[in-house]
Amino acid sequence: MNAEDLPGLRQPAKYAVNSLSESTEFVVASLEGSRVVRLVAALPPAKAWDRAAGREHMKKLATAAGL
């Protein structure tokens, strides 16, 4: 999944894209103490974002979630 840092959030987070046969998953994961927060958006391949657009959409979601 080639995770990369996702800067600009209150908590350290990683961003990754996972291409599956039926969907593409865009993932943000953050470790807060002993708790892991994982946000996932799974889209059908025909409607999936590219990696950069997915990063921006997921960063907005992570910000709204308080990360």
PDB file of N, CA and C in Angstrom:
ATOM      1  N   MET A   1       0.807  -1.203   0.000  1.00  0.00           N
ATOM      2  CA  MET A   1       0.000   0.000   0.000  1.00  0.00           C
ATOM      3  C   MET A   1       0.848   1.265   0.000  1.00  0.00           C
ATOM      4  N   ASN A   2       2.127   1.226   0.095  1.00  0.00           N
ATOM      5  CA  ASN A   2       3.010   2.396   0.000  1.00  0.00           C
ATOM      6  C   ASN A   2       2.488   3.620   0.759  1.00  0.00           C
ATOM      7  N   ALA A   3       2.420   3.517   2.066  1.00  0.00           N
ATOM      8  CA  ALA A   3       1.937   4.624   2.892  1.00  0.00           C
ATOM      9  C   ALA A   3       2.929   5.778   2.880  1.00  0.00           C
ATOM     10  N   GLU A   4       2.388   6.993   2.953  1.00  0.00           N
ATOM     11  CA  GLU A   4       3.216   8.196   3.004  1.00  0.00           C
ATOM     12  C   GLU A   4       2.686   9.091   4.113  1.00  0.00           C
ATOM     13  N   ASP A   5       3.539   9.952   4.654  1.00  0.00           N
ATOM     14  CA  ASP A   5       3.111  10.897   5.677  1.00  0.00           C
ATOM     15  C   ASP A   5       2.046  11.825   5.117  1.00  0.00           C
ATOM     16  N   LEU A   6       1.093  12.193   5.972  1.00  0.00           N
ATOM     17  CA  LEU A   6       0.053  13.150   5.609  1.00  0.00           C
ATOM     18  C   LEU A   6       0.173  14.336   6.561  1.00  0.00           C
ATOM     19  N   PRO A   7       0.992  15.327   6.184  1.00  0.00           N
ATOM     20  CA  PRO A   7       1.225  16.468   7.072  1.00  0.00           C
ATOM     21  C   PRO A   7       0.024  17.412   7.137  1.00  0.00           C
ATOM     22  N   GLY A   8       0.030  18.279   8.141  1.00  0.00           N
ATOM     23  CA  GLY A   8      -0.991  19.308   8.255  1.00  0.00           C
ATOM     24  C   GLY A   8      -2.167  18.939   9.135  1.00  0.00           C
ATOM     25  N   LEU A   9      -2.095  17.797   9.807  1.00  0.00           N
ATOM     26  CA  LEU A   9      -3.155  17.385  10.724  1.00  0.00           C
ATOM     27  C   LEU A   9      -2.671  17.544  12.156  1.00  0.00           C
ATOM     28  N   ARG A  10      -3.596  17.495  13.114  1.00  0.00           N
ATOM     29  CA  ARG A  10      -3.216  17.628  14.531  1.00  0.00           C
ATOM     30  C   ARG A  10      -2.461  16.405  15.026  1.00  0.00           C
ATOM     31  N   GLN A  11      -2.756  15.246  14.464  1.00  0.00           N
ATOM     32  CA  GLN A  11      -2.103  13.992  14.848  1.00  0.00           C
ATOM     33  C   GLN A  11      -1.242  13.491  13.686  1.00  0.00           C
ATOM     34  N   PRO A  12      -0.115  12.846  13.964  1.00  0.00           N
ATOM     35  CA  PRO A  12       0.648  12.233  12.871  1.00  0.00           C
ATOM     36  C   PRO A  12      -0.226  11.194  12.159  1.00  0.00           C
ATOM     37  N   ALA A  13      -0.193  11.203  10.837  1.00  0.00           N
ATOM     38  CA  ALA A  13      -1.040  10.296  10.063  1.00  0.00           C
ATOM     39  C   ALA A  13      -0.313   9.844   8.805  1.00  0.00           C
ATOM     40  N   LYS A  14      -0.761   8.710   8.289  1.00  0.00           N
ATOM     41  CA  LYS A  14      -0.250   8.149   7.041  1.00  0.00           C
ATOM     42  C   LYS A  14      -1.405   8.038   6.050  1.00  0.00           C
ATOM     43  N   TYR A  15      -1.083   8.182   4.765  1.00  0.00           N
ATOM     44  CA  TYR A  15      -2.059   8.075   3.686  1.00  0.00           C
ATOM     45  C   TYR A  15      -1.597   6.980   2.730  1.00  0.00           C
ATOM     46  N   ALA A  16      -2.550   6.177   2.264  1.00  0.00           N
ATOM     47  CA  ALA A  16      -2.215   5.113   1.315  1.00  0.00           C
ATOM     48  C   ALA A  16      -3.393   4.846   0.394  1.00  0.00           C
ATOM     49  N   VAL A  17      -3.081   4.258  -0.751  1.00  0.00           N
ATOM     50  CA  VAL A  17      -4.088   3.838  -1.719  1.00  0.00           C
ATOM     51  C   VAL A  17      -3.905   2.347  -1.954  1.00  0.00           C
ATOM     52  N   ASN A  18      -5.009   1.621  -1.919  1.00  0.00           N
ATOM     53  CA  ASN A  18      -4.983   0.184  -2.126  1.00  0.00           C
ATOM     54  C   ASN A  18      -5.922  -0.155  -3.284  1.00  0.00           C
ATOM     55  N   SER A  19      -5.388  -0.613  -4.399  1.00  0.00           N
ATOM     56  CA  SER A  19      -6.202  -0.980  -5.561  1.00  0.00           C
ATOM     57  C   SER A  19      -6.600  -2.447  -5.469  1.00  0.00           C
ATOM     58  N   LEU A  20      -7.890  -2.687  -5.396  1.00  0.00           N
ATOM     59  CA  LEU A  20      -8.440  -4.038  -5.337  1.00  0.00           C
ATOM     60  C   LEU A  20      -9.166  -4.326  -6.647  1.00  0.00           C
ATOM     61  N   SER A  21      -9.620  -5.532  -6.831  1.00  0.00           N
ATOM     62  CA  SER A  21     -10.290  -5.881  -8.090  1.00  0.00           C
ATOM     63  C   SER A  21     -11.647  -5.194  -8.233  1.00  0.00           C
ATOM     64  N   GLU A  22     -12.359  -4.990  -7.135  1.00  0.00           N
ATOM     65  CA  GLU A  22     -13.696  -4.402  -7.189  1.00  0.00           C
ATOM     66  C   GLU A  22     -13.759  -2.953  -6.704  1.00  0.00           C
ATOM     67  N   SER A  23     -12.670  -2.441  -6.142  1.00  0.00           N
ATOM     68  CA  SER A  23     -12.690  -1.079  -5.617  1.00  0.00           C
ATOM     69  C   SER A  23     -11.267  -0.557  -5.435  1.00  0.00           C
ATOM     70  N   THR A  24     -11.187   0.729  -5.214  1.00  0.00           N
ATOM     71  CA  THR A  24      -9.931   1.356  -4.832  1.00  0.00           C
ATOM     72  C   THR A  24     -10.168   1.982  -3.463  1.00  0.00           C
ATOM     73  N   GLU A  25      -9.317   1.650  -2.491  1.00  0.00           N
ATOM     74  CA  GLU A  25      -9.444   2.170  -1.134  1.00  0.00           C
ATOM     75  C   GLU A  25      -8.442   3.302  -0.915  1.00  0.00           C
ATOM     76  N   PHE A  26      -8.928   4.389  -0.362  1.00  0.00           N
ATOM     77  CA  PHE A  26      -8.105   5.521   0.032  1.00  0.00           C
ATOM     78  C   PHE A  26      -8.140   5.536   1.559  1.00  0.00           C
ATOM     79  N   VAL A  27      -6.965   5.478   2.194  1.00  0.00           N
ATOM     80  CA  VAL A  27      -6.886   5.224   3.632  1.00  0.00           C
ATOM     81  C   VAL A  27      -6.029   6.279   4.327  1.00  0.00           C
ATOM     82  N   VAL A  28      -6.531   6.759   5.468  1.00  0.00           N
ATOM     83  CA  VAL A  28      -5.739   7.575   6.389  1.00  0.00           C
ATOM     84  C   VAL A  28      -5.712   6.817   7.708  1.00  0.00           C
ATOM     85  N   ALA A  29      -4.534   6.627   8.266  1.00  0.00           N
ATOM     86  CA  ALA A  29      -4.388   5.944   9.549  1.00  0.00           C
ATOM     87  C   ALA A  29      -3.553   6.803  10.480  1.00  0.00           C
ATOM     88  N   SER A  30      -3.989   6.859  11.745  1.00  0.00           N
ATOM     89  CA  SER A  30      -3.295   7.661  12.743  1.00  0.00           C
ATOM     90  C   SER A  30      -3.270   6.910  14.063  1.00  0.00           C
ATOM     91  N   LEU A  31      -2.160   6.992  14.763  1.00  0.00           N
ATOM     92  CA  LEU A  31      -2.004   6.382  16.078  1.00  0.00           C
ATOM     93  C   LEU A  31      -2.072   7.477  17.120  1.00  0.00           C
ATOM     94  N   GLU A  32      -3.081   7.389  18.006  1.00  0.00           N
ATOM     95  CA  GLU A  32      -3.257   8.351  19.088  1.00  0.00           C
ATOM     96  C   GLU A  32      -3.115   7.599  20.409  1.00  0.00           C
ATOM     97  N   GLY A  33      -1.932   7.646  21.010  1.00  0.00           N
ATOM     98  CA  GLY A  33      -1.684   6.885  22.227  1.00  0.00           C
ATOM     99  C   GLY A  33      -1.784   5.407  21.918  1.00  0.00           C
ATOM    100  N   SER A  34      -2.740   4.724  22.542  1.00  0.00           N
ATOM    101  CA  SER A  34      -2.923   3.294  22.284  1.00  0.00           C
ATOM    102  C   SER A  34      -4.098   3.032  21.338  1.00  0.00           C
ATOM    103  N   ARG A  35      -4.637   4.094  20.733  1.00  0.00           N
ATOM    104  CA  ARG A  35      -5.795   3.973  19.850  1.00  0.00           C
ATOM    105  C   ARG A  35      -5.391   4.251  18.399  1.00  0.00           C
ATOM    106  N   VAL A  36      -5.832   3.382  17.503  1.00  0.00           N
ATOM    107  CA  VAL A  36      -5.590   3.573  16.075  1.00  0.00           C
ATOM    108  C   VAL A  36      -6.888   4.056  15.435  1.00  0.00           C
ATOM    109  N   VAL A  37      -6.798   5.148  14.685  1.00  0.00           N
ATOM    110  CA  VAL A  37      -7.940   5.662  13.932  1.00  0.00           C
ATOM    111  C   VAL A  37      -7.645   5.413  12.465  1.00  0.00           C
ATOM    112  N   ARG A  38      -8.590   4.781  11.779  1.00  0.00           N
ATOM    113  CA  ARG A  38      -8.398   4.460  10.358  1.00  0.00           C
ATOM    114  C   ARG A  38      -9.641   4.918   9.606  1.00  0.00           C
ATOM    115  N   LEU A  39      -9.448   5.797   8.637  1.00  0.00           N
ATOM    116  CA  LEU A  39     -10.529   6.276   7.794  1.00  0.00           C
ATOM    117  C   LEU A  39     -10.343   5.674   6.408  1.00  0.00           C
ATOM    118  N   VAL A  40     -11.411   5.103   5.856  1.00  0.00           N
ATOM    119  CA  VAL A  40     -11.321   4.432   4.557  1.00  0.00           C
ATOM    120  C   VAL A  40     -12.468   4.907   3.664  1.00  0.00           C
ATOM    121  N   ALA A  41     -12.137   5.275   2.433  1.00  0.00           N
ATOM    122  CA  ALA A  41     -13.142   5.530   1.395  1.00  0.00           C
ATOM    123  C   ALA A  41     -12.871   4.528   0.287  1.00  0.00           C
ATOM    124  N   ALA A  42     -13.845   3.666   0.006  1.00  0.00           N
ATOM    125  CA  ALA A  42     -13.699   2.652  -1.045  1.00  0.00           C
ATOM    126  C   ALA A  42     -14.608   3.042  -2.204  1.00  0.00           C
ATOM    127  N   LEU A  43     -14.013   3.204  -3.383  1.00  0.00           N
ATOM    128  CA  LEU A  43     -14.758   3.614  -4.566  1.00  0.00           C
ATOM    129  C   LEU A  43     -14.597   2.582  -5.672  1.00  0.00           C
ATOM    130  N   PRO A  44     -15.635   2.404  -6.514  1.00  0.00           N
ATOM    131  CA  PRO A  44     -15.458   1.514  -7.657  1.00  0.00           C
ATOM    132  C   PRO A  44     -14.376   2.071  -8.580  1.00  0.00           C
ATOM    133  N   PRO A  45     -13.619   1.216  -9.256  1.00  0.00           N
ATOM    134  CA  PRO A  45     -12.510   1.694 -10.093  1.00  0.00           C
ATOM    135  C   PRO A  45     -12.906   2.787 -11.087  1.00  0.00           C
ATOM    136  N   ALA A  46     -14.084   2.707 -11.666  1.00  0.00           N
ATOM    137  CA  ALA A  46     -14.505   3.697 -12.658  1.00  0.00           C
ATOM    138  C   ALA A  46     -14.727   5.080 -12.051  1.00  0.00           C
ATOM    139  N   LYS A  47     -14.972   5.149 -10.743  1.00  0.00           N
ATOM    140  CA  LYS A  47     -15.242   6.429 -10.082  1.00  0.00           C
ATOM    141  C   LYS A  47     -14.122   6.855  -9.139  1.00  0.00           C
ATOM    142  N   ALA A  48     -13.066   6.074  -9.067  1.00  0.00           N
ATOM    143  CA  ALA A  48     -11.978   6.334  -8.118  1.00  0.00           C
ATOM    144  C   ALA A  48     -11.227   7.617  -8.476  1.00  0.00           C
ATOM    145  N   TRP A  49     -10.720   8.272  -7.442  1.00  0.00           N
ATOM    146  CA  TRP A  49      -9.880   9.454  -7.596  1.00  0.00           C
ATOM    147  C   TRP A  49      -8.478   9.002  -7.977  1.00  0.00           C
ATOM    148  N   ASP A  50      -7.673   9.917  -8.513  1.00  0.00           N
ATOM    149  CA  ASP A  50      -6.256   9.591  -8.635  1.00  0.00           C
ATOM    150  C   ASP A  50      -5.630   9.769  -7.253  1.00  0.00           C
ATOM    151  N   ARG A  51      -4.378   9.378  -7.104  1.00  0.00           N
ATOM    152  CA  ARG A  51      -3.723   9.384  -5.786  1.00  0.00           C
ATOM    153  C   ARG A  51      -3.720  10.781  -5.146  1.00  0.00           C
ATOM    154  N   ALA A  52      -3.406  11.804  -5.929  1.00  0.00           N
ATOM    155  CA  ALA A  52      -3.329  13.171  -5.387  1.00  0.00           C
ATOM    156  C   ALA A  52      -4.705  13.691  -4.973  1.00  0.00           C
ATOM    157  N   ALA A  53      -5.714  13.465  -5.797  1.00  0.00           N
ATOM    158  CA  ALA A  53      -7.068  13.912  -5.447  1.00  0.00           C
ATOM    159  C   ALA A  53      -7.564  13.170  -4.214  1.00  0.00           C
ATOM    160  N   GLY A  54      -7.274  11.871  -4.143  1.00  0.00           N
ATOM    161  CA  GLY A  54      -7.661  11.089  -2.972  1.00  0.00           C
ATOM    162  C   GLY A  54      -7.017  11.617  -1.709  1.00  0.00           C
ATOM    163  N   ARG A  55      -5.737  12.030  -1.806  1.00  0.00           N
ATOM    164  CA  ARG A  55      -5.033  12.587  -0.647  1.00  0.00           C
ATOM    165  C   ARG A  55      -5.763  13.829  -0.135  1.00  0.00           C
ATOM    166  N   GLU A  56      -6.161  14.709  -1.033  1.00  0.00           N
ATOM    167  CA  GLU A  56      -6.850  15.937  -0.624  1.00  0.00           C
ATOM    168  C   GLU A  56      -8.229  15.646  -0.024  1.00  0.00           C
ATOM    169  N   HIS A  57      -8.991  14.742  -0.641  1.00  0.00           N
ATOM    170  CA  HIS A  57     -10.305  14.370  -0.103  1.00  0.00           C
ATOM    171  C   HIS A  57     -10.161  13.729   1.281  1.00  0.00           C
ATOM    172  N   MET A  58      -9.197  12.832   1.420  1.00  0.00           N
ATOM    173  CA  MET A  58      -9.017  12.137   2.698  1.00  0.00           C
ATOM    174  C   MET A  58      -8.473  13.067   3.772  1.00  0.00           C
ATOM    175  N   LYS A  59      -7.660  14.054   3.387  1.00  0.00           N
ATOM    176  CA  LYS A  59      -7.166  15.027   4.358  1.00  0.00           C
ATOM    177  C   LYS A  59      -8.329  15.863   4.903  1.00  0.00           C
ATOM    178  N   LYS A  60      -9.265  16.231   4.045  1.00  0.00           N
ATOM    179  CA  LYS A  60     -10.449  16.974   4.494  1.00  0.00           C
ATOM    180  C   LYS A  60     -11.281  16.119   5.447  1.00  0.00           C
ATOM    181  N   LEU A  61     -11.442  14.844   5.137  1.00  0.00           N
ATOM    182  CA  LEU A  61     -12.171  13.940   6.011  1.00  0.00           C
ATOM    183  C   LEU A  61     -11.464  13.782   7.348  1.00  0.00           C
ATOM    184  N   ALA A  62     -10.141  13.627   7.319  1.00  0.00           N
ATOM    185  CA  ALA A  62      -9.384  13.487   8.564  1.00  0.00           C
ATOM    186  C   ALA A  62      -9.471  14.746   9.409  1.00  0.00           C
ATOM    187  N   THR A  63      -9.433  15.902   8.788  1.00  0.00           N
ATOM    188  CA  THR A  63      -9.564  17.163   9.522  1.00  0.00           C
ATOM    189  C   THR A  63     -10.943  17.240  10.179  1.00  0.00           C
ATOM    190  N   ALA A  64     -11.980  16.884   9.431  1.00  0.00           N
ATOM    191  CA  ALA A  64     -13.351  16.889   9.986  1.00  0.00           C
ATOM    192  C   ALA A  64     -13.494  15.894  11.133  1.00  0.00           C
ATOM    193  N   ALA A  65     -12.719  14.804  11.098  1.00  0.00           N
ATOM    194  CA  ALA A  65     -12.757  13.790  12.160  1.00  0.00           C
ATOM    195  C   ALA A  65     -11.933  14.183  13.372  1.00  0.00           C
ATOM    196  N   GLY A  66     -11.214  15.316  13.282  1.00  0.00           N
ATOM    197  CA  GLY A  66     -10.446  15.792  14.423  1.00  0.00           C
ATOM    198  C   GLY A  66      -9.017  15.276  14.501  1.00  0.00           C
ATOM    199  N   LEU A  67      -8.510  14.685  13.423  1.00  0.00           N
ATOM    200  CA  LEU A  67      -7.124  14.194  13.439  1.00  0.00           C
ATOM    201  C   LEU A  67      -6.154  15.339  13.261  1.00  0.00           C
TER     202      LEU A  67
END
